[in-house]
Amino acid sequence: MSHKADVKRFNELFVPHMNAAYNLARWLTGNDNAAHDVVQESALRAFRFMDRFAGGNARAWLLAIVRNQSYTWLKQSGNNRWINIGDEIAEDDIALSHTETPESHSIRSQDTALLHKALQELPPQFREVIILKELEEMAYKDIAIVADIPLGTVMSRLARARGMLKTELVKLYAHE
């Protein structure tokens, strides 16, 4: 295949999933700069090894690379359990809608901050299944591909992650 054809195939298969790749990398590394680096390295790897992609779900294949690169970054940075997601909330997330009152906005902002903090407390392997299922809306079978675990493990890990998240939220709300 020519370089031009490779670029075209890469653009068709993987470029549409770069936002999901960044989202996963950001949640796993907890660092904006690291997430950009992870996605860049992952895109390079996806391009370099594109001939190994035999078809199927390109998004899951790319996110598996992103996941592996994120964990490599975590190991190299010495941060393998507790990961800062960031206390800042994007302005878009906290902007008042036309129907929102200042009181409801304040409550929503607090809830969002507490959810971020609770997610931060989860170990990465539990955080990733919640991110992939709830934020990326991936099917269990695709999460299994990304995380390189059996389908049953995805379901049990997701159930445990939800329980852990609930426990963390209860703790955080109790301290409010």
C-alpha atoms as a PDB file:
ATOM      1  CA  MET A   1       0.000   0.000   0.000  1.00  0.00           C
ATOM      2  CA  SER A   2       1.274   3.476  -0.778  1.00  0.00           C
ATOM      3  CA  HIS A   3       1.868   6.081   1.896  1.00  0.00           C
ATOM      4  CA  LYS A   4      -1.005   8.127   0.498  1.00  0.00           C
ATOM      5  CA  ALA A   5      -3.356   5.147   0.748  1.00  0.00           C
ATOM      6  CA  ASP A   6      -2.151   4.464   4.299  1.00  0.00           C
ATOM      7  CA  VAL A   7      -2.886   8.065   5.308  1.00  0.00           C
ATOM      8  CA  LYS A   8      -6.336   7.862   3.729  1.00  0.00           C
ATOM      9  CA  ARG A   9      -7.100   4.578   5.530  1.00  0.00           C
ATOM     10  CA  PHE A  10      -5.844   6.006   8.849  1.00  0.00           C
ATOM     11  CA  ASN A  11      -7.994   9.114   8.410  1.00  0.00           C
ATOM     12  CA  GLU A  12     -11.067   7.013   7.658  1.00  0.00           C
ATOM     13  CA  LEU A  13     -10.558   4.452  10.426  1.00  0.00           C
ATOM     14  CA  PHE A  14      -9.021   6.283  13.354  1.00  0.00           C
ATOM     15  CA  VAL A  15      -9.276  10.068  13.087  1.00  0.00           C
ATOM     16  CA  PRO A  16     -13.018  10.035  13.899  1.00  0.00           C
ATOM     17  CA  HIS A  17     -12.147   8.479  17.271  1.00  0.00           C
ATOM     18  CA  MET A  18      -9.466  10.929  18.403  1.00  0.00           C
ATOM     19  CA  ASN A  19     -11.819  12.725  20.817  1.00  0.00           C
ATOM     20  CA  ALA A  20     -12.647   9.413  22.508  1.00  0.00           C
ATOM     21  CA  ALA A  21      -8.923   8.616  22.583  1.00  0.00           C
ATOM     22  CA  TYR A  22      -8.138  11.917  24.290  1.00  0.00           C
ATOM     23  CA  ASN A  23     -11.033  11.490  26.729  1.00  0.00           C
ATOM     24  CA  LEU A  24      -9.808   8.059  27.829  1.00  0.00           C
ATOM     25  CA  ALA A  25      -6.180   9.209  28.076  1.00  0.00           C
ATOM     26  CA  ARG A  26      -7.193  12.281  30.093  1.00  0.00           C
ATOM     27  CA  TRP A  27      -9.206  10.254  32.583  1.00  0.00           C
ATOM     28  CA  LEU A  28      -6.520   7.602  32.957  1.00  0.00           C
ATOM     29  CA  THR A  29      -3.487   9.878  33.205  1.00  0.00           C
ATOM     30  CA  GLY A  30      -5.216  12.749  34.958  1.00  0.00           C
ATOM     31  CA  ASN A  31      -2.963  15.129  33.105  1.00  0.00           C
ATOM     32  CA  ASP A  32      -3.862  17.205  30.043  1.00  0.00           C
ATOM     33  CA  ASN A  33      -0.320  17.319  28.649  1.00  0.00           C
ATOM     34  CA  ALA A  34       0.192  13.608  29.244  1.00  0.00           C
ATOM     35  CA  ALA A  35      -3.129  12.872  27.547  1.00  0.00           C
ATOM     36  CA  HIS A  36      -2.058  14.788  24.456  1.00  0.00           C
ATOM     37  CA  ASP A  37       1.281  12.938  24.428  1.00  0.00           C
ATOM     38  CA  VAL A  38      -0.429   9.582  24.916  1.00  0.00           C
ATOM     39  CA  VAL A  39      -2.869  10.234  22.079  1.00  0.00           C
ATOM     40  CA  GLN A  40      -0.081  11.391  19.783  1.00  0.00           C
ATOM     41  CA  GLU A  41       2.018   8.303  20.546  1.00  0.00           C
ATOM     42  CA  SER A  42      -1.045   6.090  20.192  1.00  0.00           C
ATOM     43  CA  ALA A  43      -1.938   7.608  16.825  1.00  0.00           C
ATOM     44  CA  LEU A  44       1.621   7.055  15.662  1.00  0.00           C
ATOM     45  CA  ARG A  45       1.474   3.421  16.785  1.00  0.00           C
ATOM     46  CA  ALA A  46      -1.928   2.928  15.163  1.00  0.00           C
ATOM     47  CA  PHE A  47      -0.555   4.303  11.902  1.00  0.00           C
ATOM     48  CA  ARG A  48       2.662   2.290  12.120  1.00  0.00           C
ATOM     49  CA  PHE A  49       0.868  -0.981  12.881  1.00  0.00           C
ATOM     50  CA  MET A  50      -2.282  -0.355  10.868  1.00  0.00           C
ATOM     51  CA  ASP A  51      -1.545  -3.429   8.772  1.00  0.00           C
ATOM     52  CA  ARG A  52      -2.249  -5.498  11.916  1.00  0.00           C
ATOM     53  CA  PHE A  53      -5.778  -4.109  12.101  1.00  0.00           C
ATOM     54  CA  ALA A  54      -7.742  -6.801  10.330  1.00  0.00           C
ATOM     55  CA  GLY A  55     -11.071  -5.024  10.445  1.00  0.00           C
ATOM     56  CA  GLY A  56     -13.760  -4.870  13.054  1.00  0.00           C
ATOM     57  CA  ASN A  57     -14.115  -2.058  15.525  1.00  0.00           C
ATOM     58  CA  ALA A  58     -11.482   0.591  14.774  1.00  0.00           C
ATOM     59  CA  ARG A  59     -12.523   2.633  17.808  1.00  0.00           C
ATOM     60  CA  ALA A  60     -11.944  -0.277  20.193  1.00  0.00           C
ATOM     61  CA  TRP A  61      -8.612  -1.085  18.527  1.00  0.00           C
ATOM     62  CA  LEU A  62      -7.408   2.521  18.882  1.00  0.00           C
ATOM     63  CA  LEU A  63      -8.655   2.854  22.456  1.00  0.00           C
ATOM     64  CA  ALA A  64      -6.809  -0.346  23.384  1.00  0.00           C
ATOM     65  CA  ILE A  65      -3.603   1.311  22.187  1.00  0.00           C
ATOM     66  CA  VAL A  66      -4.469   4.488  24.117  1.00  0.00           C
ATOM     67  CA  ARG A  67      -5.160   2.467  27.254  1.00  0.00           C
ATOM     68  CA  ASN A  68      -1.821   0.664  26.994  1.00  0.00           C
ATOM     69  CA  GLN A  69       0.043   3.920  26.355  1.00  0.00           C
ATOM     70  CA  SER A  70      -1.730   5.549  29.314  1.00  0.00           C
ATOM     71  CA  TYR A  71      -0.653   2.750  31.632  1.00  0.00           C
ATOM     72  CA  THR A  72       2.891   2.964  30.280  1.00  0.00           C
ATOM     73  CA  TRP A  73       2.876   6.684  31.063  1.00  0.00           C
ATOM     74  CA  LEU A  74       1.518   5.991  34.570  1.00  0.00           C
ATOM     75  CA  LYS A  75       4.275   3.453  35.260  1.00  0.00           C
ATOM     76  CA  GLN A  76       6.984   5.778  33.956  1.00  0.00           C
ATOM     77  CA  SER A  77       5.661   8.704  35.982  1.00  0.00           C
ATOM     78  CA  GLY A  78       5.545   6.579  39.130  1.00  0.00           C
ATOM     79  CA  ASN A  79       1.832   7.271  39.519  1.00  0.00           C
ATOM     80  CA  ASN A  80       0.162   3.893  39.441  1.00  0.00           C
ATOM     81  CA  ARG A  81      -2.794   4.191  41.817  1.00  0.00           C
ATOM     82  CA  TRP A  82      -3.989   7.688  42.662  1.00  0.00           C
ATOM     83  CA  ILE A  83      -4.397   9.922  39.679  1.00  0.00           C
ATOM     84  CA  ASN A  84      -5.375  13.569  39.702  1.00  0.00           C
ATOM     85  CA  ILE A  85      -8.147  14.262  37.273  1.00  0.00           C
ATOM     86  CA  GLY A  86      -7.949  17.951  37.954  1.00  0.00           C
ATOM     87  CA  ASP A  87     -10.036  20.091  40.204  1.00  0.00           C
ATOM     88  CA  GLU A  88     -10.808  22.599  37.525  1.00  0.00           C
ATOM     89  CA  ILE A  89     -14.065  22.343  35.630  1.00  0.00           C
ATOM     90  CA  ALA A  90     -14.242  23.631  32.084  1.00  0.00           C
ATOM     91  CA  GLU A  91     -16.201  26.863  31.680  1.00  0.00           C
ATOM     92  CA  ASP A  92     -18.515  25.129  29.207  1.00  0.00           C
ATOM     93  CA  ASP A  93     -19.487  22.686  31.949  1.00  0.00           C
ATOM     94  CA  ILE A  94     -20.494  25.385  34.389  1.00  0.00           C
ATOM     95  CA  ALA A  95     -22.156  27.924  32.138  1.00  0.00           C
ATOM     96  CA  LEU A  96     -25.718  28.781  33.134  1.00  0.00           C
ATOM     97  CA  SER A  97     -28.407  27.686  30.729  1.00  0.00           C
ATOM     98  CA  HIS A  98     -31.428  29.896  30.073  1.00  0.00           C
ATOM     99  CA  THR A  99     -33.601  27.755  32.355  1.00  0.00           C
ATOM    100  CA  GLU A 100     -31.097  27.237  35.151  1.00  0.00           C
ATOM    101  CA  THR A 101     -31.253  29.263  38.321  1.00  0.00           C
ATOM    102  CA  PRO A 102     -28.118  30.261  40.233  1.00  0.00           C
ATOM    103  CA  GLU A 103     -29.121  27.797  42.964  1.00  0.00           C
ATOM    104  CA  SER A 104     -29.560  24.844  40.594  1.00  0.00           C
ATOM    105  CA  HIS A 105     -26.337  25.820  38.831  1.00  0.00           C
ATOM    106  CA  SER A 106     -24.472  25.779  42.143  1.00  0.00           C
ATOM    107  CA  ILE A 107     -25.868  22.366  43.044  1.00  0.00           C
ATOM    108  CA  ARG A 108     -25.009  20.956  39.591  1.00  0.00           C
ATOM    109  CA  SER A 109     -21.478  22.366  39.793  1.00  0.00           C
ATOM    110  CA  GLN A 110     -20.974  20.836  43.245  1.00  0.00           C
ATOM    111  CA  ASP A 111     -22.324  17.489  42.057  1.00  0.00           C
ATOM    112  CA  THR A 112     -20.001  17.520  39.041  1.00  0.00           C
ATOM    113  CA  ALA A 113     -16.995  18.350  41.201  1.00  0.00           C
ATOM    114  CA  LEU A 114     -17.871  15.588  43.682  1.00  0.00           C
ATOM    115  CA  LEU A 115     -18.321  13.069  40.864  1.00  0.00           C
ATOM    116  CA  HIS A 116     -14.919  13.989  39.438  1.00  0.00           C
ATOM    117  CA  LYS A 117     -13.365  13.657  42.870  1.00  0.00           C
ATOM    118  CA  ALA A 118     -15.045  10.283  43.467  1.00  0.00           C
ATOM    119  CA  LEU A 119     -13.878   8.999  40.069  1.00  0.00           C
ATOM    120  CA  GLN A 120     -10.382  10.161  40.950  1.00  0.00           C
ATOM    121  CA  GLU A 121     -10.378   7.851  43.963  1.00  0.00           C
ATOM    122  CA  LEU A 122     -11.070   4.726  41.892  1.00  0.00           C
ATOM    123  CA  PRO A 123      -8.097   2.626  40.787  1.00  0.00           C
ATOM    124  CA  PRO A 124      -7.486   3.063  37.027  1.00  0.00           C
ATOM    125  CA  GLN A 125      -8.767  -0.386  36.028  1.00  0.00           C
ATOM    126  CA  PHE A 126     -12.139   0.417  37.612  1.00  0.00           C
ATOM    127  CA  ARG A 127     -12.208   4.026  36.434  1.00  0.00           C
ATOM    128  CA  GLU A 128     -11.562   2.980  32.835  1.00  0.00           C
ATOM    129  CA  VAL A 129     -14.591   0.663  32.615  1.00  0.00           C
ATOM    130  CA  ILE A 130     -16.876   3.403  33.929  1.00  0.00           C
ATOM    131  CA  ILE A 131     -15.418   5.941  31.506  1.00  0.00           C
ATOM    132  CA  LEU A 132     -15.706   3.571  28.553  1.00  0.00           C
ATOM    133  CA  LYS A 133     -19.257   2.484  29.416  1.00  0.00           C
ATOM    134  CA  GLU A 134     -20.835   5.666  30.723  1.00  0.00           C
ATOM    135  CA  LEU A 135     -18.974   8.458  28.927  1.00  0.00           C
ATOM    136  CA  GLU A 136     -17.940   6.720  25.716  1.00  0.00           C
ATOM    137  CA  GLU A 137     -21.093   4.564  25.652  1.00  0.00           C
ATOM    138  CA  MET A 138     -19.177   1.518  24.488  1.00  0.00           C
ATOM    139  CA  ALA A 139     -20.659  -1.965  24.395  1.00  0.00           C
ATOM    140  CA  TYR A 140     -19.351  -4.531  26.881  1.00  0.00           C
ATOM    141  CA  LYS A 141     -17.676  -6.523  24.101  1.00  0.00           C
ATOM    142  CA  ASP A 142     -15.809  -3.415  22.931  1.00  0.00           C
ATOM    143  CA  ILE A 143     -14.718  -2.601  26.468  1.00  0.00           C
ATOM    144  CA  ALA A 144     -13.384  -6.161  26.690  1.00  0.00           C
ATOM    145  CA  ILE A 145     -11.296  -5.494  23.578  1.00  0.00           C
ATOM    146  CA  VAL A 146      -9.983  -2.175  24.878  1.00  0.00           C
ATOM    147  CA  ALA A 147      -9.154  -3.446  28.363  1.00  0.00           C
ATOM    148  CA  ASP A 148      -7.985  -6.842  27.070  1.00  0.00           C
ATOM    149  CA  ILE A 149     -10.114  -8.719  29.580  1.00  0.00           C
ATOM    150  CA  PRO A 150     -12.903 -11.310  29.232  1.00  0.00           C
ATOM    151  CA  LEU A 151     -16.480 -10.101  28.803  1.00  0.00           C
ATOM    152  CA  GLY A 152     -17.482 -11.464  32.209  1.00  0.00           C
ATOM    153  CA  THR A 153     -14.658  -9.536  33.827  1.00  0.00           C
ATOM    154  CA  VAL A 154     -15.914  -6.339  32.180  1.00  0.00           C
ATOM    155  CA  MET A 155     -19.344  -6.846  33.689  1.00  0.00           C
ATOM    156  CA  SER A 156     -18.057  -7.726  37.154  1.00  0.00           C
ATOM    157  CA  ARG A 157     -15.484  -4.930  37.117  1.00  0.00           C
ATOM    158  CA  LEU A 158     -18.142  -2.448  36.056  1.00  0.00           C
ATOM    159  CA  ALA A 159     -20.436  -3.610  38.857  1.00  0.00           C
ATOM    160  CA  ARG A 160     -17.601  -3.289  41.381  1.00  0.00           C
ATOM    161  CA  ALA A 161     -16.609   0.103  39.961  1.00  0.00           C
ATOM    162  CA  ARG A 162     -20.162   1.397  40.296  1.00  0.00           C
ATOM    163  CA  GLY A 163     -20.271   0.159  43.882  1.00  0.00           C
ATOM    164  CA  MET A 164     -16.919   1.770  44.653  1.00  0.00           C
ATOM    165  CA  LEU A 165     -18.067   5.010  43.027  1.00  0.00           C
ATOM    166  CA  LYS A 166     -21.255   4.983  45.091  1.00  0.00           C
ATOM    167  CA  THR A 167     -19.224   4.444  48.279  1.00  0.00           C
ATOM    168  CA  GLU A 168     -16.896   7.328  47.401  1.00  0.00           C
ATOM    169  CA  LEU A 169     -19.829   9.616  46.626  1.00  0.00           C
ATOM    170  CA  VAL A 170     -21.512   8.770  49.926  1.00  0.00           C
ATOM    171  CA  LYS A 171     -18.258   9.599  51.760  1.00  0.00           C
ATOM    172  CA  LEU A 172     -17.896  12.880  49.892  1.00  0.00           C
ATOM    173  CA  TYR A 173     -21.504  13.928  50.437  1.00  0.00           C
ATOM    174  CA  ALA A 174     -21.168  13.104  54.144  1.00  0.00           C
ATOM    175  CA  HIS A 175     -18.245  15.533  54.395  1.00  0.00           C
ATOM    176  CA  GLU A 176     -20.067  18.321  52.570  1.00  0.00           C
END
